[in-house]
Amino acid sequence: MQKRPGDTIFRAVKGALIGSGFILPGISGGALAAVFGLYERMILFMANPFKNFKANFLFFLPVGIGAVIGIFLLSFVISFMLGEVENVARWFFIGAIVGTIPTLWQEAGKHGRSKADLGIMVMTGVLMLLFLWFGQPLFSTMTPSTGAWLLSGGLIGLGLLVPGLSPSNFLIYLGLYKGMSDGIKTGDLSVLVPLIVGLLVIVLVFAKVMAYVFKVAYAKLFHAIFGIVMASTVMIVPLDYTGFTIWHYLFAIALLALGTWLGWWMGNLEQKVKPTTI
C-alpha cells in the first residue's frame, strides 16, 4: 500500500482517540477502533502476531503511541472531566462516532447483508442497551489491590476486543476508576504493571476467538458490532445539564459539529485508501 502524506499522524490521532476510550466513561476503545477502520486488522494482528509482523508493527506503532499519549493526557485532566465539563466533552465523541456511521455501515455489508444480519444487529443493540442501562446494580465497590488492577486491565482488554463495551463504566461501578486514573497520571508501577498484565492476558486469550468469528461469520459479527456501537452511543448522551449556561450548550454544539466532521473526514480517507489486509 502506498503511503499517503500525513498517514502516520492520521493513525496517531486515531490512536489518541481510541486510547481516550479506555478511560473516558461511556466510551469504548473497541467501538472507536471499529468506526475508525482499525478493528478488523487489529484483531487479526493480535491473534497472529508473528504473521507479517514487521509491516503490522510499523502500521500500528503510531496508533499505539497515540493511544498512550491519549491515555496519559486524559488522566491529567480526569478529575476536571468528571465534573460538568465531561457532559460537554462527550458530545465530541458522540459526533466522532456519528460521523463515521456511514463508513461502519459500509464495512459491515462489504460481504453482503441478509435479514439475519439485520436481526442480529437489532438484537445485539437492544441487549447491549438493556445491559448498560440496568447493569450498574450488579456491581459493588472493590478495594484497590493488585488483584483489582489485574481485573481492571482485563476489563480494558475486553473493551478493546468487544466494541461498545466501556471498561470505564465498570471501573466506576467497582470504585476503581479514580484510583486507576491517578495511578496512570503519577506513573505508579503498582497500578500500571498489573493493568498491563491483565490487558495482555485477556487480549492474547480472546483475540484468536474474535479472529475466528471474523473468518466464519464476518457479516454477522460486524452487524452485531454496529448494533453495539449504536447502543453504546445512545448511552453516552448526557442527560444531566444542571448548572449549564448558554456557553456550555454552545460549546457542546461546537464539539458535536467538530467531532462529526472529524469522523466523516476520517471515514472518507479510509474509503480512499483502505489498509492492507493481513
Protein backbone atom coordinates (compact mmCIF):
# COMPACT_ATOMS: atom_id res chain seq x y z
CA MET A 1 0.00 0.00 0.00
CA GLN A 2 1.36 3.41 -0.93
CA LYS A 3 1.53 5.79 1.99
CA ARG A 4 -0.44 9.00 1.99
CA PRO A 5 1.14 12.25 3.19
CA GLY A 6 0.47 12.54 6.89
CA ASP A 7 -0.70 8.93 7.16
CA THR A 8 1.38 8.32 10.29
CA ILE A 9 -0.05 11.39 12.02
CA PHE A 10 -3.51 10.35 10.86
CA ARG A 11 -3.15 6.97 12.58
CA ALA A 12 -1.66 8.57 15.71
CA VAL A 13 -4.74 10.81 16.00
CA LYS A 14 -6.95 7.74 15.72
CA GLY A 15 -4.84 6.05 18.39
CA ALA A 16 -5.21 9.03 20.74
CA LEU A 17 -8.99 8.92 20.36
CA ILE A 18 -9.05 5.14 20.85
CA GLY A 19 -6.81 5.50 23.92
CA SER A 20 -9.19 8.03 25.42
CA GLY A 21 -11.90 5.41 25.02
CA PHE A 22 -10.11 3.21 27.56
CA ILE A 23 -10.54 5.69 30.41
CA LEU A 24 -13.29 8.14 29.44
CA PRO A 25 -16.59 6.96 30.98
CA GLY A 26 -19.14 5.69 28.47
CA ILE A 27 -16.64 5.46 25.62
CA SER A 28 -15.48 2.16 24.10
CA GLY A 29 -11.97 1.89 22.69
CA GLY A 30 -13.08 -1.11 20.63
CA ALA A 31 -16.04 0.83 19.23
CA LEU A 32 -13.77 3.72 18.24
CA ALA A 33 -11.32 1.27 16.64
CA ALA A 34 -14.25 -0.14 14.64
CA VAL A 35 -15.57 3.20 13.46
CA PHE A 36 -12.04 4.34 12.56
CA GLY A 37 -11.49 1.27 10.37
CA LEU A 38 -8.78 -0.37 12.50
CA TYR A 39 -10.69 -3.05 14.41
CA GLU A 40 -10.54 -5.99 11.98
CA ARG A 41 -6.84 -5.63 11.19
CA MET A 42 -6.02 -5.03 14.86
CA ILE A 43 -7.83 -8.23 15.95
CA LEU A 44 -6.15 -10.31 13.24
CA PHE A 45 -2.74 -8.91 14.17
CA MET A 46 -3.23 -9.68 17.87
CA ALA A 47 -4.47 -13.18 17.03
CA ASN A 48 -1.47 -13.85 14.73
CA PRO A 49 1.27 -11.50 15.98
CA PHE A 50 4.12 -13.14 14.01
CA LYS A 51 2.33 -13.09 10.66
CA ASN A 52 3.60 -10.08 8.65
CA PHE A 53 4.96 -8.84 11.96
CA LYS A 54 7.17 -6.03 10.64
CA ALA A 55 4.52 -4.49 8.38
CA ASN A 56 1.82 -4.70 11.03
CA PHE A 57 4.08 -3.47 13.82
CA LEU A 58 5.04 -0.40 11.80
CA PHE A 59 1.39 0.16 10.86
CA PHE A 60 0.19 0.06 14.47
CA LEU A 61 3.19 1.78 16.07
CA PRO A 62 1.78 5.32 15.60
CA VAL A 63 -1.62 4.05 16.74
CA GLY A 64 -0.05 2.70 19.93
CA ILE A 65 1.96 5.87 20.54
CA GLY A 66 -1.16 7.96 20.00
CA ALA A 67 -3.14 5.73 22.39
CA VAL A 68 -0.52 6.10 25.14
CA ILE A 69 -0.47 9.87 24.66
CA GLY A 70 -4.27 10.00 24.73
CA ILE A 71 -4.45 7.93 27.93
CA PHE A 72 -1.80 9.94 29.79
CA LEU A 73 -3.08 13.36 28.70
CA LEU A 74 -6.62 12.46 29.66
CA SER A 75 -5.51 11.07 33.03
CA PHE A 76 -4.13 14.51 33.94
CA VAL A 77 -7.49 16.17 33.44
CA ILE A 78 -9.74 13.30 34.53
CA SER A 79 -10.78 14.96 37.79
CA PHE A 80 -11.84 18.01 35.82
CA MET A 81 -13.60 15.84 33.25
CA LEU A 82 -15.58 14.11 35.98
CA GLY A 83 -17.31 17.42 36.65
CA GLU A 84 -19.78 19.21 34.42
CA VAL A 85 -17.21 19.53 31.62
CA GLU A 86 -17.48 15.79 30.97
CA ASN A 87 -21.03 16.32 29.70
CA VAL A 88 -19.70 18.89 27.25
CA ALA A 89 -16.70 16.79 26.13
CA ARG A 90 -18.84 13.69 25.48
CA TRP A 91 -20.53 15.47 22.57
CA PHE A 92 -17.23 15.46 20.68
CA PHE A 93 -17.05 11.64 20.91
CA ILE A 94 -20.72 11.30 20.01
CA GLY A 95 -20.03 13.41 16.92
CA ALA A 96 -16.94 11.37 16.03
CA ILE A 97 -19.00 8.17 16.10
CA VAL A 98 -21.94 9.69 14.21
CA GLY A 99 -19.60 10.98 11.51
CA THR A 100 -18.20 7.51 10.88
CA ILE A 101 -21.54 5.64 10.87
CA PRO A 102 -21.71 5.56 7.03
CA THR A 103 -18.22 4.00 6.87
CA LEU A 104 -19.04 1.43 9.56
CA TRP A 105 -22.32 0.53 7.82
CA GLN A 106 -20.49 0.03 4.52
CA GLU A 107 -17.82 -2.05 6.25
CA ALA A 108 -20.46 -4.27 7.86
CA GLY A 109 -22.05 -5.00 4.49
CA LYS A 110 -18.97 -5.42 2.33
CA HIS A 111 -19.51 -9.20 2.21
CA GLY A 112 -23.27 -8.92 1.83
CA ARG A 113 -26.16 -8.15 4.16
CA SER A 114 -29.03 -10.52 4.95
CA LYS A 115 -32.20 -10.24 7.03
CA ALA A 116 -30.50 -12.43 9.62
CA ASP A 117 -27.62 -9.94 9.82
CA LEU A 118 -30.05 -7.08 10.37
CA GLY A 119 -31.87 -9.12 13.01
CA ILE A 120 -28.59 -9.75 14.83
CA MET A 121 -27.79 -6.03 14.64
CA VAL A 122 -31.11 -5.07 16.24
CA MET A 123 -30.95 -7.84 18.86
CA THR A 124 -27.39 -7.07 19.98
CA GLY A 125 -28.14 -3.35 20.04
CA VAL A 126 -31.19 -3.85 22.26
CA LEU A 127 -29.41 -6.32 24.56
CA MET A 128 -26.41 -4.01 24.96
CA LEU A 129 -28.70 -1.06 25.65
CA LEU A 130 -30.52 -3.03 28.35
CA PHE A 131 -27.23 -4.30 29.80
CA LEU A 132 -25.71 -0.83 30.02
CA TRP A 133 -28.91 0.67 31.37
CA PHE A 134 -29.65 -1.90 34.09
CA GLY A 135 -26.14 -3.23 34.72
CA GLN A 136 -24.96 -0.81 37.39
CA PRO A 137 -26.67 -2.51 40.38
CA LEU A 138 -24.88 -5.78 39.51
CA PHE A 139 -21.52 -4.39 40.63
CA SER A 140 -20.16 -3.48 44.05
CA THR A 141 -17.21 -1.45 45.25
CA MET A 142 -13.80 -3.15 45.34
CA THR A 143 -10.74 -2.27 47.40
CA PRO A 144 -7.75 -1.18 45.25
CA SER A 145 -5.20 -4.01 45.15
CA THR A 146 -3.00 -5.94 42.72
CA GLY A 147 -5.91 -8.28 42.00
CA ALA A 148 -8.24 -5.33 41.44
CA TRP A 149 -5.82 -3.75 38.97
CA LEU A 150 -5.39 -7.09 37.14
CA LEU A 151 -9.17 -7.19 36.79
CA SER A 152 -9.16 -3.58 35.63
CA GLY A 153 -6.58 -4.38 32.95
CA GLY A 154 -8.67 -7.35 31.87
CA LEU A 155 -11.73 -5.10 31.54
CA ILE A 156 -9.72 -2.67 29.41
CA GLY A 157 -8.66 -5.61 27.22
CA LEU A 158 -12.30 -6.64 26.82
CA GLY A 159 -13.15 -3.04 25.92
CA LEU A 160 -10.61 -3.31 23.11
CA LEU A 161 -11.88 -6.68 21.87
CA VAL A 162 -15.63 -6.06 22.29
CA PRO A 163 -16.77 -2.85 20.60
CA GLY A 164 -19.35 -0.98 22.63
CA LEU A 165 -18.08 -2.30 25.97
CA SER A 166 -16.84 0.66 28.02
CA PRO A 167 -14.35 -0.55 30.67
CA SER A 168 -14.53 2.81 32.46
CA ASN A 169 -18.22 2.26 33.21
CA PHE A 170 -17.39 -0.98 35.02
CA LEU A 171 -14.42 0.60 36.81
CA ILE A 172 -16.67 3.37 38.08
CA TYR A 173 -19.18 0.77 39.29
CA LEU A 174 -16.36 -1.10 41.06
CA GLY A 175 -14.98 2.08 42.66
CA LEU A 176 -11.60 1.70 40.92
CA TYR A 177 -11.82 4.42 38.27
CA LYS A 178 -10.32 7.39 40.16
CA GLY A 179 -7.51 5.25 41.60
CA MET A 180 -6.67 3.94 38.13
CA SER A 181 -6.55 7.40 36.56
CA ASP A 182 -4.42 8.72 39.44
CA GLY A 183 -2.06 5.75 39.09
CA ILE A 184 -1.64 6.39 35.36
CA LYS A 185 -1.09 10.10 35.96
CA THR A 186 1.63 9.54 38.56
CA GLY A 187 3.22 6.54 36.81
CA ASP A 188 2.54 4.28 39.82
CA LEU A 189 4.02 0.89 38.84
CA SER A 190 1.89 -0.92 41.41
CA VAL A 191 -1.09 0.16 39.29
CA LEU A 192 0.44 0.20 35.80
CA VAL A 193 2.11 -3.24 35.85
CA PRO A 194 -0.98 -5.29 36.81
CA LEU A 195 -3.10 -3.16 34.46
CA ILE A 196 -0.82 -4.03 31.53
CA VAL A 197 -0.56 -7.71 32.53
CA GLY A 198 -4.34 -8.03 32.84
CA LEU A 199 -4.85 -6.37 29.48
CA LEU A 200 -2.29 -8.57 27.71
CA VAL A 201 -3.69 -11.79 29.18
CA ILE A 202 -7.23 -11.05 28.01
CA VAL A 203 -6.08 -9.89 24.56
CA LEU A 204 -3.86 -12.94 23.99
CA VAL A 205 -6.56 -15.37 25.14
CA PHE A 206 -9.55 -13.92 23.29
CA ALA A 207 -8.05 -12.30 20.16
CA LYS A 208 -7.91 -15.65 18.36
CA VAL A 209 -11.57 -16.26 19.23
CA MET A 210 -12.58 -12.93 17.68
CA ALA A 211 -10.37 -13.59 14.63
CA TYR A 212 -12.03 -16.98 14.12
CA VAL A 213 -15.50 -15.45 14.33
CA PHE A 214 -14.43 -12.87 11.74
CA LYS A 215 -13.35 -15.68 9.44
CA VAL A 216 -16.53 -17.74 9.65
CA ALA A 217 -19.18 -15.07 10.21
CA TYR A 218 -17.85 -11.68 9.13
CA ALA A 219 -21.18 -10.05 8.24
CA LYS A 220 -22.95 -11.26 11.37
CA LEU A 221 -20.12 -10.16 13.66
CA PHE A 222 -19.82 -6.71 12.10
CA HIS A 223 -23.58 -6.14 12.15
CA ALA A 224 -23.52 -7.14 15.83
CA ILE A 225 -20.72 -4.60 16.31
CA PHE A 226 -22.82 -1.98 14.53
CA GLY A 227 -25.74 -2.61 16.90
CA ILE A 228 -23.46 -2.48 19.94
CA VAL A 229 -21.86 0.78 18.76
CA MET A 230 -25.29 2.36 18.30
CA ALA A 231 -26.39 1.27 21.78
CA SER A 232 -23.22 2.50 23.46
CA THR A 233 -23.51 5.82 21.63
CA VAL A 234 -27.06 6.29 22.94
CA MET A 235 -25.83 5.53 26.47
CA ILE A 236 -23.13 8.23 26.44
CA VAL A 237 -25.60 11.01 25.59
CA PRO A 238 -25.53 13.28 28.67
CA LEU A 239 -28.85 13.65 30.47
CA ASP A 240 -27.91 15.99 33.33
CA TYR A 241 -27.34 19.61 32.36
CA THR A 242 -27.55 21.10 35.84
CA GLY A 243 -25.52 24.32 36.04
CA PHE A 244 -25.16 24.68 32.27
CA THR A 245 -25.04 28.18 30.84
CA ILE A 246 -25.59 29.21 27.23
CA TRP A 247 -21.83 28.94 26.74
CA HIS A 248 -21.83 25.30 27.82
CA TYR A 249 -24.55 24.50 25.29
CA LEU A 250 -22.80 26.41 22.51
CA PHE A 251 -19.50 24.69 23.28
CA ALA A 252 -21.22 21.28 23.28
CA ILE A 253 -22.81 22.03 19.89
CA ALA A 254 -19.44 23.16 18.51
CA LEU A 255 -17.75 19.98 19.76
CA LEU A 256 -20.53 17.84 18.29
CA ALA A 257 -20.06 19.52 14.91
CA LEU A 258 -16.26 19.22 15.13
CA GLY A 259 -16.44 15.54 16.10
CA THR A 260 -18.93 14.76 13.33
CA TRP A 261 -16.74 16.46 10.74
CA LEU A 262 -13.62 14.67 12.02
CA GLY A 263 -15.36 11.28 11.94
CA TRP A 264 -16.72 11.92 8.44
CA TRP A 265 -13.30 13.09 7.22
CA MET A 266 -11.54 10.06 8.67
CA GLY A 267 -14.18 7.76 7.19
CA ASN A 268 -13.73 9.32 3.74
CA LEU A 269 -9.96 8.92 3.91
CA GLU A 270 -10.39 5.27 4.91
CA GLN A 271 -12.56 4.68 1.83
CA LYS A 272 -9.97 6.29 -0.48
CA VAL A 273 -7.11 4.13 0.70
CA LYS A 274 -8.05 1.01 2.67
CA PRO A 275 -5.42 -0.61 4.90
CA THR A 276 -3.66 -3.69 3.62
CA THR A 277 -5.40 -6.87 4.75
CA ILE A 278 -3.42 -9.23 6.95
